[in-house]
Amino acid sequence: MPFLSRLFGKSGAKAPEPILHKDCRIFPQPIKEGSVYRIAARIEKDFGAETKTHHLIRADTSTSLDEATAATISKARQAIDQLGDALFD
């Protein structure tokens, strides 16, 4: 069964907890590109019964996954602070 679980994507791993900021959920998702990680995140916010999503991808890179994750959270917070709900238009 473990083979079939891996084949169909049921690894049993828990989804990471989001970082909350001003009613938004930030899911850091740095993208590995060769030997560096590109700053990227999924940002979600509920508007009534609807959940809207914004995919943040920056030109910034880091050689460390931990540094890229920290920078991703910082950039996502900055985008939320500067754009507010317009981020989801």
PDB file of N, CA and C in Angstrom:
ATOM      1  N   MET A   1       0.795  -1.202   0.000  1.00  0.00           N
ATOM      2  CA  MET A   1       0.000   0.000   0.000  1.00  0.00           C
ATOM      3  C   MET A   1       0.841   1.272   0.000  1.00  0.00           C
ATOM      4  N   PRO A   2       2.000   1.319   0.669  1.00  0.00           N
ATOM      5  CA  PRO A   2       2.769   2.565   0.659  1.00  0.00           C
ATOM      6  C   PRO A   2       3.112   3.017  -0.759  1.00  0.00           C
ATOM      7  N   PHE A   3       3.390   2.073  -1.644  1.00  0.00           N
ATOM      8  CA  PHE A   3       3.694   2.430  -3.026  1.00  0.00           C
ATOM      9  C   PHE A   3       2.507   3.146  -3.670  1.00  0.00           C
ATOM     10  N   LEU A   4       1.304   2.596  -3.485  1.00  0.00           N
ATOM     11  CA  LEU A   4       0.113   3.212  -4.070  1.00  0.00           C
ATOM     12  C   LEU A   4      -0.174   4.578  -3.467  1.00  0.00           C
ATOM     13  N   SER A   5       0.076   4.736  -2.175  1.00  0.00           N
ATOM     14  CA  SER A   5      -0.131   6.029  -1.526  1.00  0.00           C
ATOM     15  C   SER A   5       0.789   7.076  -2.127  1.00  0.00           C
ATOM     16  N   ARG A   6       2.055   6.717  -2.332  1.00  0.00           N
ATOM     17  CA  ARG A   6       2.997   7.661  -2.942  1.00  0.00           C
ATOM     18  C   ARG A   6       2.610   7.950  -4.381  1.00  0.00           C
ATOM     19  N   LEU A   7       2.178   6.930  -5.086  1.00  0.00           N
ATOM     20  CA  LEU A   7       1.805   7.075  -6.481  1.00  0.00           C
ATOM     21  C   LEU A   7       0.642   8.050  -6.646  1.00  0.00           C
ATOM     22  N   PHE A   8      -0.325   7.999  -5.732  1.00  0.00           N
ATOM     23  CA  PHE A   8      -1.510   8.839  -5.838  1.00  0.00           C
ATOM     24  C   PHE A   8      -1.458  10.052  -4.916  1.00  0.00           C
ATOM     25  N   GLY A   9      -0.295  10.365  -4.360  1.00  0.00           N
ATOM     26  CA  GLY A   9      -0.106  11.587  -3.619  1.00  0.00           C
ATOM     27  C   GLY A   9      -0.651  11.604  -2.204  1.00  0.00           C
ATOM     28  N   LYS A  10      -0.890  10.469  -1.612  1.00  0.00           N
ATOM     29  CA  LYS A  10      -1.392  10.431  -0.240  1.00  0.00           C
ATOM     30  C   LYS A  10      -0.242  10.052   0.671  1.00  0.00           C
ATOM     31  N   SER A  11       0.575  11.053   0.997  1.00  0.00           N
ATOM     32  CA  SER A  11       1.774  10.774   1.785  1.00  0.00           C
ATOM     33  C   SER A  11       1.491  10.753   3.275  1.00  0.00           C
ATOM     34  N   GLY A  12       0.342  11.263   3.696  1.00  0.00           N
ATOM     35  CA  GLY A  12       0.031  11.310   5.107  1.00  0.00           C
ATOM     36  C   GLY A  12       0.663  12.504   5.803  1.00  0.00           C
ATOM     37  N   ALA A  13       1.436  13.307   5.083  1.00  0.00           N
ATOM     38  CA  ALA A  13       2.059  14.483   5.673  1.00  0.00           C
ATOM     39  C   ALA A  13       1.007  15.571   5.891  1.00  0.00           C
ATOM     40  N   LYS A  14       1.138  16.256   7.042  1.00  0.00           N
ATOM     41  CA  LYS A  14       0.217  17.336   7.354  1.00  0.00           C
ATOM     42  C   LYS A  14       0.567  18.564   6.515  1.00  0.00           C
ATOM     43  N   ALA A  15      -0.457  19.295   6.101  1.00  0.00           N
ATOM     44  CA  ALA A  15      -0.238  20.555   5.400  1.00  0.00           C
ATOM     45  C   ALA A  15       0.329  21.561   6.399  1.00  0.00           C
ATOM     46  N   PRO A  16       1.258  22.410   5.961  1.00  0.00           N
ATOM     47  CA  PRO A  16       1.836  23.375   6.884  1.00  0.00           C
ATOM     48  C   PRO A  16       0.787  24.377   7.367  1.00  0.00           C
ATOM     49  N   GLU A  17       0.953  24.835   8.604  1.00  0.00           N
ATOM     50  CA  GLU A  17       0.053  25.838   9.156  1.00  0.00           C
ATOM     51  C   GLU A  17       0.358  27.189   8.509  1.00  0.00           C
ATOM     52  N   PRO A  18      -0.682  27.947   8.173  1.00  0.00           N
ATOM     53  CA  PRO A  18      -0.442  29.261   7.579  1.00  0.00           C
ATOM     54  C   PRO A  18       0.001  30.276   8.628  1.00  0.00           C
ATOM     55  N   ILE A  19       0.644  31.328   8.163  1.00  0.00           N
ATOM     56  CA  ILE A  19       0.989  32.463   9.005  1.00  0.00           C
ATOM     57  C   ILE A  19      -0.156  33.455   8.843  1.00  0.00           C
ATOM     58  N   LEU A  20      -0.737  33.911   9.941  1.00  0.00           N
ATOM     59  CA  LEU A  20      -1.869  34.823   9.877  1.00  0.00           C
ATOM     60  C   LEU A  20      -1.382  36.260   9.950  1.00  0.00           C
ATOM     61  N   HIS A  21      -1.962  37.119   9.079  1.00  0.00           N
ATOM     62  CA  HIS A  21      -1.624  38.542   9.070  1.00  0.00           C
ATOM     63  C   HIS A  21      -2.817  39.312   8.511  1.00  0.00           C
ATOM     64  N   LYS A  22      -3.421  40.160   9.336  1.00  0.00           N
ATOM     65  CA  LYS A  22      -4.548  41.011   8.940  1.00  0.00           C
ATOM     66  C   LYS A  22      -5.641  40.230   8.201  1.00  0.00           C
ATOM     67  N   ASP A  23      -6.176  39.212   8.811  1.00  0.00           N
ATOM     68  CA  ASP A  23      -7.247  38.375   8.245  1.00  0.00           C
ATOM     69  C   ASP A  23      -6.826  37.583   7.012  1.00  0.00           C
ATOM     70  N   CYS A  24      -5.542  37.540   6.715  1.00  0.00           N
ATOM     71  CA  CYS A  24      -5.040  36.768   5.572  1.00  0.00           C
ATOM     72  C   CYS A  24      -4.240  35.582   6.094  1.00  0.00           C
ATOM     73  N   ARG A  25      -4.183  34.548   5.284  1.00  0.00           N
ATOM     74  CA  ARG A  25      -3.378  33.370   5.566  1.00  0.00           C
ATOM     75  C   ARG A  25      -2.228  33.337   4.554  1.00  0.00           C
ATOM     76  N   ILE A  26      -1.010  33.297   5.052  1.00  0.00           N
ATOM     77  CA  ILE A  26       0.183  33.248   4.198  1.00  0.00           C
ATOM     78  C   ILE A  26       0.751  31.836   4.250  1.00  0.00           C
ATOM     79  N   PHE A  27       0.901  31.237   3.082  1.00  0.00           N
ATOM     80  CA  PHE A  27       1.500  29.908   2.958  1.00  0.00           C
ATOM     81  C   PHE A  27       2.820  30.079   2.199  1.00  0.00           C
ATOM     82  N   PRO A  28       3.960  30.177   2.902  1.00  0.00           N
ATOM     83  CA  PRO A  28       5.248  30.318   2.204  1.00  0.00           C
ATOM     84  C   PRO A  28       5.505  29.101   1.323  1.00  0.00           C
ATOM     85  N   GLN A  29       5.867  29.349   0.062  1.00  0.00           N
ATOM     86  CA  GLN A  29       6.152  28.263  -0.878  1.00  0.00           C
ATOM     87  C   GLN A  29       7.344  28.632  -1.765  1.00  0.00           C
ATOM     88  N   PRO A  30       8.551  28.847  -1.150  1.00  0.00           N
ATOM     89  CA  PRO A  30       9.711  29.179  -1.980  1.00  0.00           C
ATOM     90  C   PRO A  30       9.903  28.147  -3.083  1.00  0.00           C
ATOM     91  N   ILE A  31      10.305  28.632  -4.248  1.00  0.00           N
ATOM     92  CA  ILE A  31      10.465  27.776  -5.430  1.00  0.00           C
ATOM     93  C   ILE A  31      11.957  27.503  -5.637  1.00  0.00           C
ATOM     94  N   LYS A  32      12.344  26.225  -5.650  1.00  0.00           N
ATOM     95  CA  LYS A  32      13.749  25.863  -5.880  1.00  0.00           C
ATOM     96  C   LYS A  32      14.066  26.018  -7.363  1.00  0.00           C
ATOM     97  N   GLU A  33      15.083  26.811  -7.625  1.00  0.00           N
ATOM     98  CA  GLU A  33      15.557  27.028  -9.002  1.00  0.00           C
ATOM     99  C   GLU A  33      17.066  26.830  -9.011  1.00  0.00           C
ATOM    100  N   GLY A  34      17.475  25.656  -9.376  1.00  0.00           N
ATOM    101  CA  GLY A  34      18.907  25.340  -9.350  1.00  0.00           C
ATOM    102  C   GLY A  34      19.411  25.319  -7.924  1.00  0.00           C
ATOM    103  N   SER A  35      20.362  26.196  -7.606  1.00  0.00           N
ATOM    104  CA  SER A  35      20.944  26.213  -6.260  1.00  0.00           C
ATOM    105  C   SER A  35      20.347  27.312  -5.379  1.00  0.00           C
ATOM    106  N   VAL A  36      19.319  28.011  -5.858  1.00  0.00           N
ATOM    107  CA  VAL A  36      18.692  29.085  -5.076  1.00  0.00           C
ATOM    108  C   VAL A  36      17.188  28.837  -4.938  1.00  0.00           C
ATOM    109  N   TYR A  37      16.569  29.596  -4.045  1.00  0.00           N
ATOM    110  CA  TYR A  37      15.129  29.530  -3.820  1.00  0.00           C
ATOM    111  C   TYR A  37      14.519  30.888  -4.137  1.00  0.00           C
ATOM    112  N   ARG A  38      13.514  30.899  -4.991  1.00  0.00           N
ATOM    113  CA  ARG A  38      12.793  32.125  -5.337  1.00  0.00           C
ATOM    114  C   ARG A  38      11.715  32.364  -4.296  1.00  0.00           C
ATOM    115  N   ILE A  39      11.550  33.615  -3.892  1.00  0.00           N
ATOM    116  CA  ILE A  39      10.539  33.994  -2.907  1.00  0.00           C
ATOM    117  C   ILE A  39       9.158  33.860  -3.531  1.00  0.00           C
ATOM    118  N   ALA A  40       8.309  33.048  -2.900  1.00  0.00           N
ATOM    119  CA  ALA A  40       6.967  32.812  -3.420  1.00  0.00           C
ATOM    120  C   ALA A  40       6.053  32.365  -2.279  1.00  0.00           C
ATOM    121  N   ALA A  41       4.777  32.732  -2.405  1.00  0.00           N
ATOM    122  CA  ALA A  41       3.796  32.360  -1.383  1.00  0.00           C
ATOM    123  C   ALA A  41       2.401  32.348  -1.980  1.00  0.00           C
ATOM    124  N   ARG A  42       1.532  31.645  -1.302  1.00  0.00           N
ATOM    125  CA  ARG A  42       0.096  31.702  -1.597  1.00  0.00           C
ATOM    126  C   ARG A  42      -0.530  32.476  -0.445  1.00  0.00           C
ATOM    127  N   ILE A  43      -1.316  33.503  -0.788  1.00  0.00           N
ATOM    128  CA  ILE A  43      -1.983  34.315   0.218  1.00  0.00           C
ATOM    129  C   ILE A  43      -3.483  34.147   0.020  1.00  0.00           C
ATOM    130  N   GLU A  44      -4.193  33.828   1.091  1.00  0.00           N
ATOM    131  CA  GLU A  44      -5.639  33.619   1.010  1.00  0.00           C
ATOM    132  C   GLU A  44      -6.355  34.535   1.981  1.00  0.00           C
ATOM    133  N   LYS A  45      -7.587  34.924   1.603  1.00  0.00           N
ATOM    134  CA  LYS A  45      -8.446  35.703   2.499  1.00  0.00           C
ATOM    135  C   LYS A  45      -9.888  35.333   2.203  1.00  0.00           C
ATOM    136  N   ASP A  46     -10.672  35.204   3.256  1.00  0.00           N
ATOM    137  CA  ASP A  46     -12.092  34.894   3.104  1.00  0.00           C
ATOM    138  C   ASP A  46     -12.883  36.193   2.967  1.00  0.00           C
ATOM    139  N   PHE A  47     -13.746  36.215   1.972  1.00  0.00           N
ATOM    140  CA  PHE A  47     -14.679  37.306   1.752  1.00  0.00           C
ATOM    141  C   PHE A  47     -16.067  36.686   1.810  1.00  0.00           C
ATOM    142  N   GLY A  48     -16.660  36.702   2.993  1.00  0.00           N
ATOM    143  CA  GLY A  48     -17.928  36.010   3.172  1.00  0.00           C
ATOM    144  C   GLY A  48     -17.709  34.513   3.014  1.00  0.00           C
ATOM    145  N   ALA A  49     -18.473  33.908   2.122  1.00  0.00           N
ATOM    146  CA  ALA A  49     -18.365  32.465   1.878  1.00  0.00           C
ATOM    147  C   ALA A  49     -17.300  32.139   0.835  1.00  0.00           C
ATOM    148  N   GLU A  50     -16.708  33.160   0.226  1.00  0.00           N
ATOM    149  CA  GLU A  50     -15.734  32.958  -0.849  1.00  0.00           C
ATOM    150  C   GLU A  50     -14.311  33.161  -0.329  1.00  0.00           C
ATOM    151  N   THR A  51     -13.413  32.275  -0.721  1.00  0.00           N
ATOM    152  CA  THR A  51     -11.996  32.415  -0.412  1.00  0.00           C
ATOM    153  C   THR A  51     -11.275  32.857  -1.676  1.00  0.00           C
ATOM    154  N   LYS A  52     -10.572  33.992  -1.573  1.00  0.00           N
ATOM    155  CA  LYS A  52      -9.789  34.478  -2.719  1.00  0.00           C
ATOM    156  C   LYS A  52      -8.323  34.203  -2.449  1.00  0.00           C
ATOM    157  N   THR A  53      -7.590  33.947  -3.536  1.00  0.00           N
ATOM    158  CA  THR A  53      -6.179  33.583  -3.449  1.00  0.00           C
ATOM    159  C   THR A  53      -5.341  34.498  -4.326  1.00  0.00           C
ATOM    160  N   HIS A  54      -4.175  34.873  -3.816  1.00  0.00           N
ATOM    161  CA  HIS A  54      -3.185  35.616  -4.591  1.00  0.00           C
ATOM    162  C   HIS A  54      -1.884  34.813  -4.536  1.00  0.00           C
ATOM    163  N   HIS A  55      -1.250  34.624  -5.687  1.00  0.00           N
ATOM    164  CA  HIS A  55       0.043  33.929  -5.739  1.00  0.00           C
ATOM    165  C   HIS A  55       1.133  34.980  -5.880  1.00  0.00           C
ATOM    166  N   LEU A  56       1.959  35.092  -4.856  1.00  0.00           N
ATOM    167  CA  LEU A  56       3.047  36.057  -4.817  1.00  0.00           C
ATOM    168  C   LEU A  56       4.316  35.371  -5.287  1.00  0.00           C
ATOM    169  N   ILE A  57       4.934  35.898  -6.333  1.00  0.00           N
ATOM    170  CA  ILE A  57       6.221  35.389  -6.812  1.00  0.00           C
ATOM    171  C   ILE A  57       7.103  36.602  -7.064  1.00  0.00           C
ATOM    172  N   ARG A  58       8.260  36.625  -6.443  1.00  0.00           N
ATOM    173  CA  ARG A  58       9.181  37.750  -6.536  1.00  0.00           C
ATOM    174  C   ARG A  58      10.443  37.348  -7.290  1.00  0.00           C
ATOM    175  N   ALA A  59      11.166  38.338  -7.752  1.00  0.00           N
ATOM    176  CA  ALA A  59      12.438  38.087  -8.428  1.00  0.00           C
ATOM    177  C   ALA A  59      13.534  37.752  -7.414  1.00  0.00           C
ATOM    178  N   ASP A  60      13.323  38.124  -6.147  1.00  0.00           N
ATOM    179  CA  ASP A  60      14.308  37.902  -5.096  1.00  0.00           C
ATOM    180  C   ASP A  60      14.596  36.416  -4.918  1.00  0.00           C
ATOM    181  N   THR A  61      15.852  36.088  -4.649  1.00  0.00           N
ATOM    182  CA  THR A  61      16.236  34.701  -4.390  1.00  0.00           C
ATOM    183  C   THR A  61      17.136  34.644  -3.164  1.00  0.00           C
ATOM    184  N   SER A  62      17.289  33.443  -2.637  1.00  0.00           N
ATOM    185  CA  SER A  62      18.166  33.186  -1.494  1.00  0.00           C
ATOM    186  C   SER A  62      18.768  31.802  -1.676  1.00  0.00           C
ATOM    187  N   THR A  63      19.950  31.618  -1.130  1.00  0.00           N
ATOM    188  CA  THR A  63      20.601  30.308  -1.239  1.00  0.00           C
ATOM    189  C   THR A  63      20.115  29.340  -0.169  1.00  0.00           C
ATOM    190  N   SER A  64      19.431  29.856   0.847  1.00  0.00           N
ATOM    191  CA  SER A  64      18.955  29.029   1.959  1.00  0.00           C
ATOM    192  C   SER A  64      17.425  28.971   1.961  1.00  0.00           C
ATOM    193  N   LEU A  65      16.869  27.794   2.157  1.00  0.00           N
ATOM    194  CA  LEU A  65      15.417  27.638   2.232  1.00  0.00           C
ATOM    195  C   LEU A  65      14.862  28.415   3.424  1.00  0.00           C
ATOM    196  N   ASP A  66      15.550  28.360   4.566  1.00  0.00           N
ATOM    197  CA  ASP A  66      15.081  29.084   5.749  1.00  0.00           C
ATOM    198  C   ASP A  66      15.069  30.599   5.505  1.00  0.00           C
ATOM    199  N   GLU A  67      16.114  31.121   4.883  1.00  0.00           N
ATOM    200  CA  GLU A  67      16.166  32.555   4.572  1.00  0.00           C
ATOM    201  C   GLU A  67      15.092  32.925   3.559  1.00  0.00           C
ATOM    202  N   ALA A  68      14.872  32.084   2.555  1.00  0.00           N
ATOM    203  CA  ALA A  68      13.843  32.345   1.551  1.00  0.00           C
ATOM    204  C   ALA A  68      12.458  32.327   2.181  1.00  0.00           C
ATOM    205  N   THR A  69      12.226  31.421   3.118  1.00  0.00           N
ATOM    206  CA  THR A  69      10.939  31.351   3.805  1.00  0.00           C
ATOM    207  C   THR A  69      10.708  32.606   4.637  1.00  0.00           C
ATOM    208  N   ALA A  70      11.719  33.044   5.380  1.00  0.00           N
ATOM    209  CA  ALA A  70      11.604  34.263   6.195  1.00  0.00           C
ATOM    210  C   ALA A  70      11.363  35.486   5.307  1.00  0.00           C
ATOM    211  N   ALA A  71      12.089  35.583   4.201  1.00  0.00           N
ATOM    212  CA  ALA A  71      11.909  36.704   3.280  1.00  0.00           C
ATOM    213  C   ALA A  71      10.535  36.655   2.624  1.00  0.00           C
ATOM    214  N   THR A  72      10.059  35.454   2.325  1.00  0.00           N
ATOM    215  CA  THR A  72       8.738  35.286   1.731  1.00  0.00           C
ATOM    216  C   THR A  72       7.660  35.814   2.674  1.00  0.00           C
ATOM    217  N   ILE A  73       7.756  35.473   3.944  1.00  0.00           N
ATOM    218  CA  ILE A  73       6.770  35.939   4.922  1.00  0.00           C
ATOM    219  C   ILE A  73       6.810  37.458   5.022  1.00  0.00           C
ATOM    220  N   SER A  74       8.001  38.022   5.061  1.00  0.00           N
ATOM    221  CA  SER A  74       8.157  39.473   5.134  1.00  0.00           C
ATOM    222  C   SER A  74       7.553  40.172   3.911  1.00  0.00           C
ATOM    223  N   LYS A  75       7.847  39.667   2.730  1.00  0.00           N
ATOM    224  CA  LYS A  75       7.322  40.268   1.489  1.00  0.00           C
ATOM    225  C   LYS A  75       5.805  40.114   1.389  1.00  0.00           C
ATOM    226  N   ALA A  76       5.285  38.977   1.841  1.00  0.00           N
ATOM    227  CA  ALA A  76       3.836  38.763   1.815  1.00  0.00           C
ATOM    228  C   ALA A  76       3.143  39.739   2.762  1.00  0.00           C
ATOM    229  N   ARG A  77       3.686  39.920   3.954  1.00  0.00           N
ATOM    230  CA  ARG A  77       3.122  40.894   4.903  1.00  0.00           C
ATOM    231  C   ARG A  77       3.161  42.300   4.322  1.00  0.00           C
ATOM    232  N   GLN A  78       4.264  42.633   3.683  1.00  0.00           N
ATOM    233  CA  GLN A  78       4.403  43.952   3.065  1.00  0.00           C
ATOM    234  C   GLN A  78       3.347  44.156   1.979  1.00  0.00           C
ATOM    235  N   ALA A  79       3.118  43.154   1.141  1.00  0.00           N
ATOM    236  CA  ALA A  79       2.117  43.253   0.080  1.00  0.00           C
ATOM    237  C   ALA A  79       0.716  43.436   0.673  1.00  0.00           C
ATOM    238  N   ILE A  80       0.425  42.695   1.730  1.00  0.00           N
ATOM    239  CA  ILE A  80      -0.884  42.810   2.390  1.00  0.00           C
ATOM    240  C   ILE A  80      -1.047  44.212   2.978  1.00  0.00           C
ATOM    241  N   ASP A  81       0.000  44.710   3.647  1.00  0.00           N
ATOM    242  CA  ASP A  81      -0.058  46.039   4.262  1.00  0.00           C
ATOM    243  C   ASP A  81      -0.232  47.137   3.216  1.00  0.00           C
ATOM    244  N   GLN A  82       0.467  47.024   2.092  1.00  0.00           N
ATOM    245  CA  GLN A  82       0.435  48.075   1.074  1.00  0.00           C
ATOM    246  C   GLN A  82      -0.809  48.021   0.195  1.00  0.00           C
ATOM    247  N   LEU A  83      -1.278  46.831  -0.142  1.00  0.00           N
ATOM    248  CA  LEU A  83      -2.367  46.703  -1.111  1.00  0.00           C
ATOM    249  C   LEU A  83      -3.721  46.385  -0.484  1.00  0.00           C
ATOM    250  N   GLY A  84      -3.721  45.826   0.706  1.00  0.00           N
ATOM    251  CA  GLY A  84      -4.986  45.471   1.350  1.00  0.00           C
ATOM    252  C   GLY A  84      -5.799  44.509   0.482  1.00  0.00           C
ATOM    253  N   ASP A  85      -7.119  44.746   0.439  1.00  0.00           N
ATOM    254  CA  ASP A  85      -8.002  43.858  -0.320  1.00  0.00           C
ATOM    255  C   ASP A  85      -7.770  43.932  -1.825  1.00  0.00           C
ATOM    256  N   ALA A  86      -7.127  45.000  -2.319  1.00  0.00           N
ATOM    257  CA  ALA A  86      -6.831  45.126  -3.748  1.00  0.00           C
ATOM    258  C   ALA A  86      -5.875  44.015  -4.213  1.00  0.00           C
ATOM    259  N   LEU A  87      -5.182  43.402  -3.286  1.00  0.00           N
ATOM    260  CA  LEU A  87      -4.283  42.288  -3.605  1.00  0.00           C
ATOM    261  C   LEU A  87      -5.059  41.141  -4.263  1.00  0.00           C
ATOM    262  N   PHE A  88      -6.352  41.040  -3.975  1.00  0.00           N
ATOM    263  CA  PHE A  88      -7.155  39.919  -4.441  1.00  0.00           C
ATOM    264  C   PHE A  88      -8.031  40.252  -5.649  1.00  0.00           C
ATOM    265  N   ASP A  89      -7.861  41.441  -6.229  1.00  0.00           N
ATOM    266  CA  ASP A  89      -8.645  41.824  -7.416  1.00  0.00           C
ATOM    267  C   ASP A  89      -8.110  41.197  -8.672  1.00  0.00           C
TER     268      ASP A  89
END
